[in-house]
Amino acid sequence: MKTATLATLLCGCAALLGCGAKTRVETASSAAPSAPTVAPDENWQLVATDEDRDRVRGWRDTWLAAVAKARKGGRGADIDRLGELVDPDRALTDPLPPAGAYRCTVYKIGAAGTAMADFTAFEPSDCEIAPAGALTAFRKTGGVQRPAGLLYADGPRAIFLGTMVYGDEIKPFRYGQDRLRDMAGYIERIGDRRWRLVLPAPRFESMLDIIEIVPA
């Protein structure tokens, strides 16, 4: 990854969630803590909007409804071809991809409205994973719709909070600034050097977005 690209990514993500504007607060104690202290800006539930917390909590119902709508619309064969990518319970250990360059393929499942089909697969495009302080940043760098945000460790999955960047825009909006730009979901590993970013109930076009992530 080029240095300039990584620097741009980290600056963008710092602006996105305001992670650079906060400092970690540590409390003095004579006894060793039983678990590591988590700063407020490292806890996704303290960062996420109420609406996005509901999106993440309801991911399974959204997933099943989206797949059912796609099958009802005659796209069952397309769903079946995705195999484990559309298995909702396919979550392995170590959910975070290592820092580096990746290729991302977006699948939109279950049309929201009449403007989209019940199944749409886009051409693969570039994306990046990079350190962002105590967190990890994800950014899709190719295509006209480019999610960008931070990943928060959360058991077998990592929660994604970010915003959508469109067209020739360079800098992402700050998360929470515009609810129509806000995005929430989770990332998990589903195979050897294979991950997916799941975005339940995105704002436009589809009921469920799945982004397959593989090394470039």
Protein backbone atom coordinates (compact mmCIF):
# COMPACT_ATOMS: atom_id res chain seq x y z
CA MET A 1 0.00 0.00 0.00
CA LYS A 2 1.32 3.43 -0.88
CA THR A 3 2.15 5.68 2.08
CA ALA A 4 0.00 8.52 0.75
CA THR A 5 -3.02 6.23 0.42
CA LEU A 6 -2.66 4.92 3.97
CA ALA A 7 -2.23 8.41 5.37
CA THR A 8 -5.35 9.60 3.57
CA LEU A 9 -7.31 6.63 4.89
CA LEU A 10 -6.31 7.18 8.49
CA CYS A 11 -7.04 10.90 8.34
CA GLY A 12 -10.42 10.20 6.79
CA CYS A 13 -11.38 7.64 9.38
CA ALA A 14 -10.21 9.88 12.23
CA ALA A 15 -12.51 12.58 10.91
CA LEU A 16 -15.28 10.04 10.30
CA LEU A 17 -15.77 8.96 13.89
CA GLY A 18 -13.84 11.62 15.72
CA CYS A 19 -11.42 9.06 17.08
CA GLY A 20 -8.55 11.52 16.99
CA ALA A 21 -10.41 14.02 19.12
CA LYS A 22 -10.82 11.77 22.11
CA THR A 23 -8.33 10.66 24.69
CA ARG A 24 -8.34 7.46 26.64
CA VAL A 25 -9.18 7.94 30.30
CA GLU A 26 -7.49 5.59 32.75
CA THR A 27 -8.36 5.29 36.41
CA ALA A 28 -5.83 4.59 39.10
CA SER A 29 -6.36 1.49 41.19
CA SER A 30 -4.23 -0.43 43.62
CA ALA A 31 -5.64 -3.73 42.36
CA ALA A 32 -5.05 -5.07 38.85
CA PRO A 33 -8.22 -4.93 36.74
CA SER A 34 -9.87 -8.23 35.88
CA ALA A 35 -10.29 -7.21 32.21
CA PRO A 36 -8.71 -4.63 29.89
CA THR A 37 -10.18 -1.16 30.07
CA VAL A 38 -12.08 -0.18 26.93
CA ALA A 39 -12.14 3.53 26.09
CA PRO A 40 -15.56 4.98 25.18
CA ASP A 41 -14.53 5.47 21.56
CA GLU A 42 -13.51 1.79 21.35
CA ASN A 43 -16.97 0.55 22.40
CA TRP A 44 -19.23 0.50 19.37
CA GLN A 45 -22.42 0.62 21.41
CA LEU A 46 -21.39 3.98 22.86
CA VAL A 47 -20.54 5.31 19.40
CA ALA A 48 -23.48 3.94 17.36
CA THR A 49 -26.75 5.78 16.93
CA ASP A 50 -29.89 4.16 18.34
CA GLU A 51 -31.04 3.39 14.81
CA ASP A 52 -27.80 1.63 13.94
CA ARG A 53 -27.79 -0.40 17.14
CA ASP A 54 -31.25 -1.65 16.11
CA ARG A 55 -29.94 -2.49 12.63
CA VAL A 56 -27.13 -4.59 14.05
CA ARG A 57 -29.37 -6.34 16.58
CA GLY A 58 -31.91 -7.22 13.89
CA TRP A 59 -29.39 -8.51 11.35
CA ARG A 60 -30.71 -12.10 11.27
CA ASP A 61 -34.34 -11.18 10.62
CA THR A 62 -33.19 -8.76 7.92
CA TRP A 63 -30.95 -11.40 6.35
CA LEU A 64 -33.65 -14.07 6.21
CA ALA A 65 -36.23 -11.64 4.84
CA ALA A 66 -33.85 -10.41 2.12
CA VAL A 67 -32.93 -13.91 0.96
CA ALA A 68 -36.59 -14.98 0.99
CA LYS A 69 -37.53 -11.98 -1.16
CA ALA A 70 -34.74 -12.75 -3.63
CA ARG A 71 -35.85 -16.38 -3.92
CA LYS A 72 -39.48 -15.34 -4.35
CA GLY A 73 -38.34 -12.98 -7.11
CA GLY A 74 -36.78 -15.86 -9.03
CA ARG A 75 -33.18 -15.31 -7.97
CA GLY A 76 -32.76 -18.50 -5.94
CA ALA A 77 -30.09 -19.87 -8.30
CA ASP A 78 -28.02 -16.70 -7.83
CA ILE A 79 -28.29 -17.04 -4.07
CA ASP A 80 -27.31 -20.71 -4.16
CA ARG A 81 -24.20 -19.96 -6.25
CA LEU A 82 -22.84 -17.78 -3.45
CA GLY A 83 -22.59 -20.83 -1.16
CA GLU A 84 -21.09 -20.11 2.25
CA LEU A 85 -21.04 -16.38 1.54
CA VAL A 86 -24.81 -16.33 2.22
CA ASP A 87 -24.75 -18.77 5.15
CA PRO A 88 -25.75 -16.49 8.05
CA ASP A 89 -24.03 -18.70 10.61
CA ARG A 90 -20.69 -19.00 8.79
CA ALA A 91 -18.48 -17.12 11.26
CA LEU A 92 -14.95 -18.32 12.06
CA THR A 93 -12.43 -17.11 14.64
CA ASP A 94 -10.19 -14.08 13.99
CA PRO A 95 -12.74 -11.86 12.26
CA LEU A 96 -10.44 -8.97 11.35
CA PRO A 97 -8.49 -9.06 8.08
CA PRO A 98 -4.80 -8.10 8.36
CA ALA A 99 -3.85 -4.64 7.14
CA GLY A 100 -3.34 -4.52 3.39
CA ALA A 101 -4.93 -4.23 -0.03
CA TYR A 102 -8.05 -6.26 -0.88
CA ARG A 103 -10.63 -6.82 -3.59
CA CYS A 104 -14.26 -6.35 -2.63
CA THR A 105 -17.35 -7.65 -4.43
CA VAL A 106 -20.73 -6.18 -3.47
CA TYR A 107 -23.92 -8.25 -3.57
CA LYS A 108 -27.26 -6.54 -3.01
CA ILE A 109 -30.01 -8.93 -1.94
CA GLY A 110 -33.73 -8.23 -1.71
CA ALA A 111 -34.83 -5.07 -3.50
CA ALA A 112 -35.94 -2.12 -1.38
CA GLY A 113 -38.47 -0.48 -3.70
CA THR A 114 -38.75 -0.92 -7.45
CA ALA A 115 -35.51 0.63 -8.70
CA MET A 116 -33.33 -2.45 -8.09
CA ALA A 117 -33.53 -6.16 -8.84
CA ASP A 118 -33.85 -8.65 -6.00
CA PHE A 119 -30.26 -9.73 -6.65
CA THR A 120 -27.43 -7.60 -8.01
CA ALA A 121 -23.74 -8.52 -8.17
CA PHE A 122 -21.20 -5.79 -8.90
CA GLU A 123 -17.73 -6.10 -10.40
CA PRO A 124 -14.89 -6.48 -7.86
CA SER A 125 -13.16 -3.24 -6.86
CA ASP A 126 -10.33 -2.16 -4.60
CA CYS A 127 -10.61 -1.81 -0.82
CA GLU A 128 -8.22 -1.40 2.10
CA ILE A 129 -7.75 -2.48 5.69
CA ALA A 130 -5.47 -0.35 7.88
CA PRO A 131 -4.71 0.28 11.56
CA ALA A 132 -6.50 3.29 13.06
CA GLY A 133 -5.18 3.78 16.58
CA ALA A 134 -6.64 1.08 18.81
CA LEU A 135 -9.15 0.15 16.09
CA THR A 136 -9.04 -1.02 12.47
CA ALA A 137 -10.24 0.93 9.44
CA PHE A 138 -12.03 -0.41 6.36
CA ARG A 139 -12.41 1.60 3.18
CA LYS A 140 -13.68 0.68 -0.25
CA THR A 141 -11.56 2.72 -2.64
CA GLY A 142 -13.05 1.68 -5.99
CA GLY A 143 -16.52 2.12 -7.45
CA VAL A 144 -19.11 4.88 -7.12
CA GLN A 145 -20.41 3.72 -3.72
CA ARG A 146 -17.60 3.40 -1.19
CA PRO A 147 -18.26 2.54 2.48
CA ALA A 148 -15.58 3.83 4.85
CA GLY A 149 -15.41 3.41 8.60
CA LEU A 150 -14.00 1.70 11.66
CA LEU A 151 -14.16 -1.89 12.92
CA TYR A 152 -14.77 -2.66 16.61
CA ALA A 153 -13.86 -6.08 18.02
CA ASP A 154 -17.01 -7.83 19.26
CA GLY A 155 -16.52 -11.57 19.83
CA PRO A 156 -16.53 -13.70 16.64
CA ARG A 157 -17.47 -10.62 14.61
CA ALA A 158 -16.26 -7.05 14.39
CA ILE A 159 -18.83 -4.27 14.21
CA PHE A 160 -18.54 -1.78 11.35
CA LEU A 161 -19.64 1.84 11.81
CA GLY A 162 -19.05 4.21 8.95
CA THR A 163 -20.52 6.33 6.19
CA MET A 164 -21.05 6.11 2.44
CA VAL A 165 -18.80 8.04 0.06
CA TYR A 166 -20.25 8.70 -3.41
CA GLY A 167 -18.84 9.46 -6.84
CA ASP A 168 -15.83 11.78 -6.87
CA GLU A 169 -16.09 12.67 -3.17
CA ILE A 170 -12.75 12.40 -1.40
CA LYS A 171 -13.47 12.71 2.31
CA PRO A 172 -16.15 10.75 4.19
CA PHE A 173 -18.77 12.45 6.35
CA ARG A 174 -18.35 12.17 10.11
CA TYR A 175 -20.33 9.20 11.43
CA GLY A 176 -23.57 10.42 13.02
CA GLN A 177 -23.56 13.70 11.08
CA ASP A 178 -26.02 12.57 8.39
CA ARG A 179 -28.24 9.56 9.07
CA LEU A 180 -28.70 9.00 5.32
CA ARG A 181 -24.93 8.47 5.04
CA ASP A 182 -24.49 6.38 8.21
CA MET A 183 -23.78 2.67 7.77
CA ALA A 184 -23.70 -0.14 10.33
CA GLY A 185 -23.01 -3.85 10.11
CA TYR A 186 -20.34 -6.38 10.92
CA ILE A 187 -17.36 -8.12 9.41
CA GLU A 188 -16.41 -11.76 9.92
CA ARG A 189 -14.09 -14.37 8.50
CA ILE A 190 -15.79 -17.11 6.50
CA GLY A 191 -12.82 -19.00 5.06
CA ASP A 192 -9.07 -19.08 4.52
CA ARG A 193 -8.21 -15.45 3.65
CA ARG A 194 -11.84 -14.69 2.94
CA TRP A 195 -14.10 -12.29 4.83
CA ARG A 196 -17.46 -10.60 4.38
CA LEU A 197 -18.86 -7.25 5.47
CA VAL A 198 -22.58 -7.55 6.15
CA LEU A 199 -24.72 -4.40 6.01
CA PRO A 200 -28.31 -5.11 7.12
CA ALA A 201 -31.03 -2.65 6.04
CA PRO A 202 -28.87 -0.15 4.14
CA ARG A 203 -30.55 3.18 3.38
CA PHE A 204 -31.20 2.63 -0.29
CA GLU A 205 -31.70 -0.01 -2.99
CA SER A 206 -31.57 -3.28 -1.04
CA MET A 207 -32.59 -5.03 2.16
CA LEU A 208 -29.14 -6.56 2.66
CA ASP A 209 -25.67 -5.85 1.28
CA ILE A 210 -22.88 -8.42 1.54
CA ILE A 211 -19.36 -7.38 0.56
CA GLU A 212 -16.97 -10.25 -0.07
CA ILE A 213 -13.38 -9.35 0.88
CA VAL A 214 -10.36 -11.25 -0.43
CA PRO A 215 -6.68 -10.29 -0.72
CA ALA A 216 -5.77 -8.27 -3.82
